[in-house]
Structures are given as C-alpha cells and as structure tokens.
C-alpha atoms as a PDB file:
ATOM      1  CA  MET A   1       0.000   0.000   0.000  1.00  0.00           C
ATOM      2  CA  ARG A   2       1.317   3.421  -0.938  1.00  0.00           C
ATOM      3  CA  LEU A   3       2.463   5.614   1.946  1.00  0.00           C
ATOM      4  CA  HIS A   4       0.986   9.108   1.879  1.00  0.00           C
ATOM      5  CA  ARG A   5       2.245  12.259   3.562  1.00  0.00           C
ATOM      6  CA  SER A   6      -0.845  12.266   5.759  1.00  0.00           C
ATOM      7  CA  ASP A   7       0.004   8.729   6.915  1.00  0.00           C
ATOM      8  CA  VAL A   8       3.458   9.809   8.032  1.00  0.00           C
ATOM      9  CA  LEU A   9       2.085  12.835   9.855  1.00  0.00           C
ATOM     10  CA  ALA A  10      -0.637  10.811  11.574  1.00  0.00           C
ATOM     11  CA  GLY A  11       1.910   8.205  12.629  1.00  0.00           C
ATOM     12  CA  ALA A  12       4.209  10.879  14.020  1.00  0.00           C
ATOM     13  CA  MET A  13       1.400  12.475  16.028  1.00  0.00           C
ATOM     14  CA  ALA A  14       0.457   9.067  17.439  1.00  0.00           C
ATOM     15  CA  MET A  15       4.064   8.308  18.378  1.00  0.00           C
ATOM     16  CA  LEU A  16       4.379  11.711  20.031  1.00  0.00           C
ATOM     17  CA  GLU A  17       1.402  10.857  22.213  1.00  0.00           C
ATOM     18  CA  THR A  18       2.603   7.399  23.218  1.00  0.00           C
ATOM     19  CA  ASP A  19       6.380   7.841  23.403  1.00  0.00           C
ATOM     20  CA  GLY A  20       7.067  11.559  23.723  1.00  0.00           C
ATOM     21  CA  LEU A  21       9.185  13.910  21.639  1.00  0.00           C
ATOM     22  CA  ASP A  22      12.563  12.579  22.768  1.00  0.00           C
ATOM     23  CA  LYS A  23      11.820   9.106  21.396  1.00  0.00           C
ATOM     24  CA  LEU A  24      10.379  10.304  18.112  1.00  0.00           C
ATOM     25  CA  THR A  25      12.933   9.441  15.422  1.00  0.00           C
ATOM     26  CA  MET A  26      12.567   8.879  11.715  1.00  0.00           C
ATOM     27  CA  ARG A  27      13.904   5.344  12.076  1.00  0.00           C
ATOM     28  CA  ARG A  28      11.465   4.388  14.841  1.00  0.00           C
ATOM     29  CA  LEU A  29       8.580   5.996  12.981  1.00  0.00           C
ATOM     30  CA  ALA A  30       9.455   4.060   9.832  1.00  0.00           C
ATOM     31  CA  GLY A  31       9.410   0.845  11.851  1.00  0.00           C
ATOM     32  CA  VAL A  32       5.957   1.600  13.239  1.00  0.00           C
ATOM     33  CA  LEU A  33       4.664   2.385   9.753  1.00  0.00           C
ATOM     34  CA  GLY A  34       6.269  -0.754   8.342  1.00  0.00           C
ATOM     35  CA  VAL A  35       8.459   1.000   5.799  1.00  0.00           C
ATOM     36  CA  GLN A  36      12.117   1.813   5.278  1.00  0.00           C
ATOM     37  CA  PRO A  37      13.299   5.210   6.606  1.00  0.00           C
ATOM     38  CA  SER A  38      13.937   6.332   3.031  1.00  0.00           C
ATOM     39  CA  ALA A  39      10.178   6.185   2.405  1.00  0.00           C
ATOM     40  CA  LEU A  40       9.651   8.939   4.976  1.00  0.00           C
ATOM     41  CA  TYR A  41      12.189  11.236   3.352  1.00  0.00           C
ATOM     42  CA  TRP A  42      10.129  11.177   0.174  1.00  0.00           C
ATOM     43  CA  HIS A  43       7.540  13.212   2.081  1.00  0.00           C
ATOM     44  CA  PHE A  44       9.726  15.039   4.627  1.00  0.00           C
ATOM     45  CA  ALA A  45      13.299  15.968   3.745  1.00  0.00           C
ATOM     46  CA  HIS A  46      14.443  15.733   7.372  1.00  0.00           C
ATOM     47  CA  LYS A  47      13.074  15.410  10.879  1.00  0.00           C
ATOM     48  CA  GLN A  48      12.706  19.159  11.329  1.00  0.00           C
ATOM     49  CA  ALA A  49      10.387  19.280   8.316  1.00  0.00           C
ATOM     50  CA  LEU A  50       8.247  16.633  10.001  1.00  0.00           C
ATOM     51  CA  LEU A  51       8.237  18.582  13.271  1.00  0.00           C
ATOM     52  CA  ASP A  52       7.209  21.704  11.356  1.00  0.00           C
ATOM     53  CA  ALA A  53       4.245  19.823   9.899  1.00  0.00           C
ATOM     54  CA  MET A  54       3.319  18.517  13.344  1.00  0.00           C
ATOM     55  CA  SER A  55       3.465  22.046  14.724  1.00  0.00           C
ATOM     56  CA  GLU A  56       1.232  23.330  11.944  1.00  0.00           C
ATOM     57  CA  ARG A  57      -1.239  20.536  12.703  1.00  0.00           C
ATOM     58  CA  LEU A  58      -1.302  21.469  16.394  1.00  0.00           C
ATOM     59  CA  MET A  59      -2.002  25.106  15.521  1.00  0.00           C
ATOM     60  CA  GLU A  60      -5.073  24.234  13.479  1.00  0.00           C
ATOM     61  CA  GLY A  61      -8.042  26.308  14.630  1.00  0.00           C
ATOM     62  CA  VAL A  62      -6.119  28.254  17.287  1.00  0.00           C
ATOM     63  CA  GLY A  63      -6.571  31.515  15.396  1.00  0.00           C
ATOM     64  CA  ASP A  64     -10.354  31.155  15.122  1.00  0.00           C
ATOM     65  CA  VAL A  65     -10.949  33.967  17.594  1.00  0.00           C
ATOM     66  CA  ASP A  66     -14.098  36.100  17.498  1.00  0.00           C
ATOM     67  CA  PRO A  67     -12.998  39.236  15.582  1.00  0.00           C
ATOM     68  CA  ASP A  68     -15.851  41.299  17.010  1.00  0.00           C
ATOM     69  CA  ARG A  69     -14.618  41.094  20.599  1.00  0.00           C
ATOM     70  CA  PRO A  70     -12.498  43.911  22.096  1.00  0.00           C
ATOM     71  CA  GLY A  71      -8.774  43.605  21.431  1.00  0.00           C
ATOM     72  CA  LEU A  72      -7.717  42.524  24.921  1.00  0.00           C
ATOM     73  CA  ASP A  73     -10.506  39.962  25.079  1.00  0.00           C
ATOM     74  CA  ARG A  74      -9.318  38.545  21.772  1.00  0.00           C
ATOM     75  CA  LEU A  75      -5.824  38.193  23.205  1.00  0.00           C
ATOM     76  CA  ALA A  76      -7.160  36.379  26.256  1.00  0.00           C
ATOM     77  CA  GLU A  77      -9.190  34.019  24.089  1.00  0.00           C
ATOM     78  CA  LEU A  78      -6.201  33.382  21.840  1.00  0.00           C
ATOM     79  CA  ALA A  79      -3.979  32.590  24.828  1.00  0.00           C
ATOM     80  CA  TRP A  80      -6.442  30.013  26.132  1.00  0.00           C
ATOM     81  CA  ARG A  81      -6.963  28.480  22.698  1.00  0.00           C
ATOM     82  CA  LEU A  82      -3.221  28.191  22.182  1.00  0.00           C
ATOM     83  CA  ARG A  83      -2.727  26.574  25.593  1.00  0.00           C
ATOM     84  CA  ALA A  84      -5.471  24.050  24.852  1.00  0.00           C
ATOM     85  CA  ALA A  85      -3.884  23.159  21.510  1.00  0.00           C
ATOM     86  CA  LEU A  86      -0.428  22.709  23.002  1.00  0.00           C
ATOM     87  CA  MET A  87      -1.784  20.635  25.881  1.00  0.00           C
ATOM     88  CA  SER A  88      -3.797  18.421  23.534  1.00  0.00           C
ATOM     89  CA  HIS A  89      -0.730  16.298  22.762  1.00  0.00           C
ATOM     90  CA  ARG A  90       2.131  15.101  24.896  1.00  0.00           C
ATOM     91  CA  ASP A  91       5.100  17.476  24.503  1.00  0.00           C
ATOM     92  CA  GLY A  92       2.965  19.639  22.225  1.00  0.00           C
ATOM     93  CA  ALA A  93       4.457  22.848  23.588  1.00  0.00           C
ATOM     94  CA  ARG A  94       7.995  21.636  22.937  1.00  0.00           C
ATOM     95  CA  VAL A  95       7.110  20.667  19.378  1.00  0.00           C
ATOM     96  CA  VAL A  96       5.673  24.064  18.496  1.00  0.00           C
ATOM     97  CA  SER A  97       8.197  26.210  20.377  1.00  0.00           C
ATOM     98  CA  GLY A  98      11.060  24.522  18.532  1.00  0.00           C
ATOM     99  CA  THR A  99       9.762  25.448  15.085  1.00  0.00           C
ATOM    100  CA  TYR A 100       9.518  28.573  12.942  1.00  0.00           C
ATOM    101  CA  VAL A 101       6.716  27.667  10.579  1.00  0.00           C
ATOM    102  CA  ARG A 102       5.418  29.895   7.797  1.00  0.00           C
ATOM    103  CA  GLU A 103       2.200  28.047   7.097  1.00  0.00           C
ATOM    104  CA  PRO A 104      -1.440  29.255   7.282  1.00  0.00           C
ATOM    105  CA  ASN A 105      -2.431  27.962  10.743  1.00  0.00           C
ATOM    106  CA  THR A 106       0.701  29.324  12.385  1.00  0.00           C
ATOM    107  CA  LEU A 107       0.722  32.630  10.522  1.00  0.00           C
ATOM    108  CA  ARG A 108      -2.935  33.167  11.402  1.00  0.00           C
ATOM    109  CA  VAL A 109      -2.141  32.993  15.113  1.00  0.00           C
ATOM    110  CA  GLY A 110       0.455  35.722  14.725  1.00  0.00           C
ATOM    111  CA  GLN A 111      -1.879  37.824  12.587  1.00  0.00           C
ATOM    112  CA  VAL A 112      -4.743  37.535  15.073  1.00  0.00           C
ATOM    113  CA  ALA A 113      -2.477  38.398  18.009  1.00  0.00           C
ATOM    114  CA  ILE A 114      -0.944  41.456  16.362  1.00  0.00           C
ATOM    115  CA  ARG A 115      -4.286  42.716  15.048  1.00  0.00           C
ATOM    116  CA  ALA A 116      -5.798  42.340  18.534  1.00  0.00           C
ATOM    117  CA  VAL A 117      -3.009  44.388  20.119  1.00  0.00           C
ATOM    118  CA  ILE A 118      -3.531  47.141  17.555  1.00  0.00           C
ATOM    119  CA  ALA A 119      -7.285  47.020  18.165  1.00  0.00           C
ATOM    120  CA  ALA A 120      -6.616  47.461  21.886  1.00  0.00           C
ATOM    121  CA  GLY A 121      -4.899  50.762  21.119  1.00  0.00           C
ATOM    122  CA  ALA A 122      -1.205  49.911  20.990  1.00  0.00           C
ATOM    123  CA  PRO A 123       0.954  51.644  18.374  1.00  0.00           C
ATOM    124  CA  ARG A 124       1.626  49.468  15.360  1.00  0.00           C
ATOM    125  CA  GLU A 125       5.394  49.528  15.923  1.00  0.00           C
ATOM    126  CA  GLU A 126       4.903  47.857  19.333  1.00  0.00           C
ATOM    127  CA  ALA A 127       2.171  45.441  18.312  1.00  0.00           C
ATOM    128  CA  ALA A 128       4.400  42.502  17.398  1.00  0.00           C
ATOM    129  CA  LEU A 129       6.500  42.856  20.551  1.00  0.00           C
ATOM    130  CA  ALA A 130       3.421  42.932  22.765  1.00  0.00           C
ATOM    131  CA  ALA A 131       1.695  40.089  20.929  1.00  0.00           C
ATOM    132  CA  PHE A 132       4.679  37.786  21.118  1.00  0.00           C
ATOM    133  CA  ALA A 133       5.340  38.619  24.765  1.00  0.00           C
ATOM    134  CA  LEU A 134       1.969  36.992  25.441  1.00  0.00           C
ATOM    135  CA  LEU A 135       2.517  34.091  23.047  1.00  0.00           C
ATOM    136  CA  HIS A 136       5.942  33.346  24.512  1.00  0.00           C
ATOM    137  CA  PHE A 137       4.421  33.273  27.994  1.00  0.00           C
ATOM    138  CA  VAL A 138       1.924  30.684  26.772  1.00  0.00           C
ATOM    139  CA  PHE A 139       4.696  28.530  25.315  1.00  0.00           C
ATOM    140  CA  GLY A 140       6.829  28.741  28.439  1.00  0.00           C
ATOM    141  CA  HIS A 141       3.970  28.051  30.817  1.00  0.00           C
ATOM    142  CA  THR A 142       2.719  25.042  28.908  1.00  0.00           C
ATOM    143  CA  ILE A 143       6.226  23.600  28.584  1.00  0.00           C
ATOM    144  CA  GLU A 144       6.476  23.740  32.381  1.00  0.00           C
ATOM    145  CA  GLU A 145       2.998  22.256  32.781  1.00  0.00           C
ATOM    146  CA  GLN A 146       3.785  19.337  30.524  1.00  0.00           C
ATOM    147  CA  ALA A 147       7.195  18.778  32.111  1.00  0.00           C
ATOM    148  CA  ARG A 148       5.559  18.486  35.534  1.00  0.00           C
ATOM    149  CA  ASP A 149       2.894  16.158  34.148  1.00  0.00           C
ATOM    150  CA  GLU A 150       5.670  13.967  32.754  1.00  0.00           C
ATOM    151  CA  LEU A 151       7.409  13.765  36.140  1.00  0.00           C
ATOM    152  CA  VAL A 152       4.120  12.924  37.837  1.00  0.00           C
ATOM    153  CA  ALA A 153       3.398  10.211  35.269  1.00  0.00           C
ATOM    154  CA  ARG A 154       6.835   8.705  35.886  1.00  0.00           C
ATOM    155  CA  GLY A 155       6.256   8.770  39.642  1.00  0.00           C
ATOM    156  CA  VAL A 156       9.271  10.966  40.384  1.00  0.00           C
ATOM    157  CA  TRP A 157       7.622  14.320  41.069  1.00  0.00           C
ATOM    158  CA  GLU A 158       8.037  13.947  44.839  1.00  0.00           C
ATOM    159  CA  GLU A 159      11.800  13.811  44.364  1.00  0.00           C
ATOM    160  CA  HIS A 160      11.608  17.413  43.191  1.00  0.00           C
ATOM    161  CA  THR A 161       9.617  18.661  46.188  1.00  0.00           C
ATOM    162  CA  VAL A 162      12.225  18.195  48.932  1.00  0.00           C
ATOM    163  CA  ASP A 163      12.192  20.367  52.030  1.00  0.00           C
ATOM    164  CA  ILE A 164      13.885  23.752  51.674  1.00  0.00           C
ATOM    165  CA  ASP A 165      16.048  25.350  54.365  1.00  0.00           C
ATOM    166  CA  ALA A 166      13.765  28.116  55.627  1.00  0.00           C
ATOM    167  CA  ARG A 167      16.655  30.045  57.189  1.00  0.00           C
ATOM    168  CA  GLU A 168      18.628  30.154  53.952  1.00  0.00           C
ATOM    169  CA  TYR A 169      15.633  30.679  51.650  1.00  0.00           C
ATOM    170  CA  PRO A 170      12.880  32.220  53.796  1.00  0.00           C
ATOM    171  CA  ASP A 171      10.719  33.307  50.866  1.00  0.00           C
ATOM    172  CA  VAL A 172      11.058  30.315  48.554  1.00  0.00           C
ATOM    173  CA  GLY A 173       9.202  27.787  50.701  1.00  0.00           C
ATOM    174  CA  PRO A 174       6.042  29.891  51.144  1.00  0.00           C
ATOM    175  CA  ALA A 175       6.165  30.777  47.444  1.00  0.00           C
ATOM    176  CA  LEU A 176       6.230  27.118  46.467  1.00  0.00           C
ATOM    177  CA  ASP A 177       3.374  26.426  48.863  1.00  0.00           C
ATOM    178  CA  ALA A 178       1.345  29.178  47.186  1.00  0.00           C
ATOM    179  CA  LEU A 179       2.129  27.775  43.741  1.00  0.00           C
ATOM    180  CA  THR A 180       1.186  24.215  44.616  1.00  0.00           C
ATOM    181  CA  ALA A 181      -2.001  25.386  46.328  1.00  0.00           C
ATOM    182  CA  THR A 182      -3.409  26.479  42.966  1.00  0.00           C
ATOM    183  CA  ASP A 183      -3.872  24.402  39.841  1.00  0.00           C
ATOM    184  CA  SER A 184      -2.022  25.080  36.610  1.00  0.00           C
ATOM    185  CA  ALA A 185      -5.046  26.675  34.947  1.00  0.00           C
ATOM    186  CA  ALA A 186      -5.340  29.194  37.783  1.00  0.00           C
ATOM    187  CA  ARG A 187      -1.654  30.063  37.497  1.00  0.00           C
ATOM    188  CA  PHE A 188      -2.018  30.433  33.749  1.00  0.00           C
ATOM    189  CA  ARG A 189      -5.024  32.705  34.211  1.00  0.00           C
ATOM    190  CA  TYR A 190      -3.050  34.897  36.594  1.00  0.00           C
ATOM    191  CA  GLY A 191      -0.153  35.189  34.151  1.00  0.00           C
ATOM    192  CA  VAL A 192      -2.381  36.125  31.226  1.00  0.00           C
ATOM    193  CA  ARG A 193      -4.218  38.657  33.370  1.00  0.00           C
ATOM    194  CA  LEU A 194      -0.914  40.169  34.534  1.00  0.00           C
ATOM    195  CA  ILE A 195       0.332  40.595  30.969  1.00  0.00           C
ATOM    196  CA  LEU A 196      -2.923  42.036  29.655  1.00  0.00           C
ATOM    197  CA  ASP A 197      -3.311  44.392  32.619  1.00  0.00           C
ATOM    198  CA  GLY A 198       0.228  45.593  31.980  1.00  0.00           C
ATOM    199  CA  LEU A 199      -0.529  46.087  28.295  1.00  0.00           C
ATOM    200  CA  ALA A 200      -3.716  47.966  29.142  1.00  0.00           C
ATOM    201  CA  ALA A 201      -1.793  50.259  31.488  1.00  0.00           C
ATOM    202  CA  ARG A 202       0.911  50.860  28.902  1.00  0.00           C
ATOM    203  CA  ILE A 203      -1.480  51.864  26.136  1.00  0.00           C
ATOM    204  CA  GLY A 204      -3.716  53.803  28.511  1.00  0.00           C
ATOM    205  CA  THR A 205      -6.924  51.887  27.904  1.00  0.00           C
ATOM    206  CA  THR A 206      -9.492  51.917  30.681  1.00  0.00           C
ATOM    207  CA  THR A 207     -10.926  48.510  29.863  1.00  0.00           C
ATOM    208  CA  GLY A 208      -9.052  45.359  30.802  1.00  0.00           C
ATOM    209  CA  ALA A 209      -9.733  41.934  29.368  1.00  0.00           C
ATOM    210  CA  THR A 210     -12.951  40.474  30.720  1.00  0.00           C
ATOM    211  CA  GLY A 211     -12.546  36.932  29.428  1.00  0.00           C
ATOM    212  CA  VAL A 212      -9.347  35.889  31.197  1.00  0.00           C
END
C-alpha cells in the first residue's frame, strides 16, 4: 500500500502521544509504519520538516478567535486556545516552540495576536512585541505544565519537592506552597491577566480583558 504524507504525519502524532518527543525518530517511525526510513524522506526531507508539519497541525483552529470582541478579550481568548492546543498532545508545547513555521495555521495565530493588540490601542510599531510577549508566555507556561505532568506520570515528582532550608531561603518555601495550592489553569489565568493588565496600562486603555 502506498504511503501518503498524511500517513506519516498521523503516525508521528500518534508516536508523540505514546512515546514523547525525545523518542520520536525517523527510524522508529518508519518501523511503526512498516516501511524503510527512506520512504519517509520522500515526504519530509528531514526530521525538522516533520516537526514543522506537526506544529502546523497542532495550531489548526487556534486563530479562530471572534474578531468582534475587544482587542484585549481577543488576546485572552487566543492565549487560552493556544494553551489548549499545546496541551492536547504530549510534549505539544515543545514541538511548536522549537519550530519557525510559515504556514497558514501558524501565521494566522500571529496575525490575530498582532491585530488584537492594535485594536486594543497599541501603536503598530509595538504590536508585534506585545503580541509575542503573550505568546511566549503561553509557550513557556505550557512547557512547564507538561514537564511536571511527565514527572508525575513517571512517579518521580516527589523527588523534586524536597524540604527547603527556611533560614537560607525564607521566601522560597512559602512561594512554592502558594504555587502548589493552585492548579495550573489558575496560574495560567493569573499570568495572562498580569500581561494584559500591563498592556492595558501601557497603552492607557481603561478597559481590561474580561474573558481571562
């Protein structure tokens, strides 16, 4: 049976979910698909090209934000949609953050983010910087979320929660307690709110995002 590009991509997404990014290799993927590695290179010139396609697949639909909402609300919605997409697959955040894709799904996310910042009242020359400050927060936060989930799944998370010397680090212990007392979604919400409130203050708008 002829191997199609979509077959390779589907197999790679499935392997990502079961084995994680670190174990995703062209050779292992070829074995799962029952073909020689050379068959994969007919569709993807190298592994990075495959990762780019996986990233573009993960970004599908992320930019479908309501264009009639206020600019800051659009940014909040986009942040949550992006987080959901990255969290939908194991190591999804690492896959996307390691690529620089110029394909429709990915470009649309950037377009929506920049347009929303401009709509909120920011000068055009700052729009990209502000938009990507938010997007980079989403990437970083979800990478940390998924890394913790991986440690929990492996049963080694407790090894990373050892007691801290309160005399040497009097503020770290209570800070960690505060972080672990809230779930990851609540921490994400706080971070998005902090960024959007800061953006609102910088551009002098009186209306913060309501949908965070």
